[in-house]
Amino acid sequence: MARRKTRTSGPSGESLRIARTIVYYEACLDSEVPHAMARELWAHDMTTPFAAGEHVSVEAARLLEARARREAAQP
């Protein structure tokens, strides 16, 4: 019998990757995002959660990841 994904298990890895990519593009279209931050986000592997770095603050990474998770959870 095939196992079904339960709603409590959260969004799939693929939907999170897509949501992170969308959030990345939306963030980079924002004129307030510095070029250095956009470049660092571009180098990010979208299969892993956003993380702080040299040009990405902890708060910015947390907000981007939270936004991506909200996007991925939408039906």
C-alpha atoms as a PDB file:
ATOM      1  CA  MET A   1       0.000   0.000   0.000  1.00  0.00           C
ATOM      2  CA  ALA A   2       1.375   3.414  -0.934  1.00  0.00           C
ATOM      3  CA  ARG A   3       2.116   5.896   1.811  1.00  0.00           C
ATOM      4  CA  ARG A   4       0.379   9.215   1.593  1.00  0.00           C
ATOM      5  CA  LYS A   5       1.930  12.460   2.666  1.00  0.00           C
ATOM      6  CA  THR A   6       0.110  13.838   5.662  1.00  0.00           C
ATOM      7  CA  ARG A   7      -0.769  17.494   5.980  1.00  0.00           C
ATOM      8  CA  THR A   8       1.204  17.743   9.239  1.00  0.00           C
ATOM      9  CA  SER A   9       4.462  16.860   7.515  1.00  0.00           C
ATOM     10  CA  GLY A  10       4.619  20.292   5.884  1.00  0.00           C
ATOM     11  CA  PRO A  11       5.561  21.347   2.371  1.00  0.00           C
ATOM     12  CA  SER A  12       7.738  19.129   0.218  1.00  0.00           C
ATOM     13  CA  GLY A  13      11.380  19.909  -0.449  1.00  0.00           C
ATOM     14  CA  GLU A  14      10.549  20.730  -4.059  1.00  0.00           C
ATOM     15  CA  SER A  15       7.822  23.215  -3.124  1.00  0.00           C
ATOM     16  CA  LEU A  16      10.206  24.876  -0.643  1.00  0.00           C
ATOM     17  CA  ARG A  17      12.911  25.126  -3.325  1.00  0.00           C
ATOM     18  CA  ILE A  18      10.459  26.781  -5.702  1.00  0.00           C
ATOM     19  CA  ALA A  19       9.165  29.109  -2.979  1.00  0.00           C
ATOM     20  CA  ARG A  20      12.723  30.095  -2.003  1.00  0.00           C
ATOM     21  CA  THR A  21      13.490  30.889  -5.643  1.00  0.00           C
ATOM     22  CA  ILE A  22      10.376  33.056  -5.924  1.00  0.00           C
ATOM     23  CA  VAL A  23      11.189  34.842  -2.665  1.00  0.00           C
ATOM     24  CA  TYR A  24      14.756  35.402  -3.903  1.00  0.00           C
ATOM     25  CA  TYR A  25      13.519  37.025  -7.127  1.00  0.00           C
ATOM     26  CA  GLU A  26      10.987  39.171  -5.269  1.00  0.00           C
ATOM     27  CA  ALA A  27      13.680  40.315  -2.822  1.00  0.00           C
ATOM     28  CA  CYS A  28      16.100  41.181  -5.604  1.00  0.00           C
ATOM     29  CA  LEU A  29      13.466  43.242  -7.406  1.00  0.00           C
ATOM     30  CA  ASP A  30      13.213  45.399  -4.276  1.00  0.00           C
ATOM     31  CA  SER A  31      15.301  48.532  -4.836  1.00  0.00           C
ATOM     32  CA  GLU A  32      16.293  48.493  -1.157  1.00  0.00           C
ATOM     33  CA  VAL A  33      18.265  45.242  -1.504  1.00  0.00           C
ATOM     34  CA  PRO A  34      21.969  46.016  -2.027  1.00  0.00           C
ATOM     35  CA  HIS A  35      23.747  44.376  -4.950  1.00  0.00           C
ATOM     36  CA  ALA A  36      26.124  42.487  -2.625  1.00  0.00           C
ATOM     37  CA  MET A  37      23.196  40.926  -0.770  1.00  0.00           C
ATOM     38  CA  ALA A  38      21.495  39.941  -4.035  1.00  0.00           C
ATOM     39  CA  ARG A  39      24.710  38.291  -5.255  1.00  0.00           C
ATOM     40  CA  GLU A  40      25.060  36.344  -2.006  1.00  0.00           C
ATOM     41  CA  LEU A  41      21.431  35.202  -2.216  1.00  0.00           C
ATOM     42  CA  TRP A  42      21.988  34.169  -5.849  1.00  0.00           C
ATOM     43  CA  ALA A  43      24.843  31.898  -4.762  1.00  0.00           C
ATOM     44  CA  HIS A  44      22.578  30.280  -2.145  1.00  0.00           C
ATOM     45  CA  ASP A  45      21.481  26.687  -2.750  1.00  0.00           C
ATOM     46  CA  MET A  46      17.697  26.990  -2.813  1.00  0.00           C
ATOM     47  CA  THR A  47      17.306  23.441  -1.462  1.00  0.00           C
ATOM     48  CA  THR A  48      18.491  24.624   1.968  1.00  0.00           C
ATOM     49  CA  PRO A  49      17.012  27.292   4.263  1.00  0.00           C
ATOM     50  CA  PHE A  50      18.191  30.870   3.807  1.00  0.00           C
ATOM     51  CA  ALA A  51      21.115  31.595   6.130  1.00  0.00           C
ATOM     52  CA  ALA A  52      23.035  34.622   7.306  1.00  0.00           C
ATOM     53  CA  GLY A  53      26.285  35.447   5.600  1.00  0.00           C
ATOM     54  CA  GLU A  54      28.683  38.264   4.890  1.00  0.00           C
ATOM     55  CA  HIS A  55      26.003  40.480   3.296  1.00  0.00           C
ATOM     56  CA  VAL A  56      22.818  38.790   4.548  1.00  0.00           C
ATOM     57  CA  SER A  57      21.885  39.523   8.142  1.00  0.00           C
ATOM     58  CA  VAL A  58      20.410  36.929  10.484  1.00  0.00           C
ATOM     59  CA  GLU A  59      17.138  38.865  10.535  1.00  0.00           C
ATOM     60  CA  ALA A  60      16.967  39.118   6.723  1.00  0.00           C
ATOM     61  CA  ALA A  61      17.635  35.386   6.333  1.00  0.00           C
ATOM     62  CA  ARG A  62      14.989  34.569   8.931  1.00  0.00           C
ATOM     63  CA  LEU A  63      12.398  36.777   7.212  1.00  0.00           C
ATOM     64  CA  LEU A  64      13.160  35.358   3.755  1.00  0.00           C
ATOM     65  CA  GLU A  65      12.904  31.780   5.020  1.00  0.00           C
ATOM     66  CA  ALA A  66       9.643  32.493   6.863  1.00  0.00           C
ATOM     67  CA  ARG A  67       8.202  34.049   3.696  1.00  0.00           C
ATOM     68  CA  ALA A  68       9.296  31.059   1.593  1.00  0.00           C
ATOM     69  CA  ARG A  69       7.708  28.627   4.042  1.00  0.00           C
ATOM     70  CA  ARG A  70       4.432  30.581   3.978  1.00  0.00           C
ATOM     71  CA  GLU A  71       4.485  30.553   0.153  1.00  0.00           C
ATOM     72  CA  ALA A  72       5.210  26.807   0.047  1.00  0.00           C
ATOM     73  CA  ALA A  73       2.404  26.032   2.495  1.00  0.00           C
ATOM     74  CA  GLN A  74      -0.246  27.709   0.344  1.00  0.00           C
ATOM     75  CA  PRO A  75      -2.392  25.278  -1.628  1.00  0.00           C
END
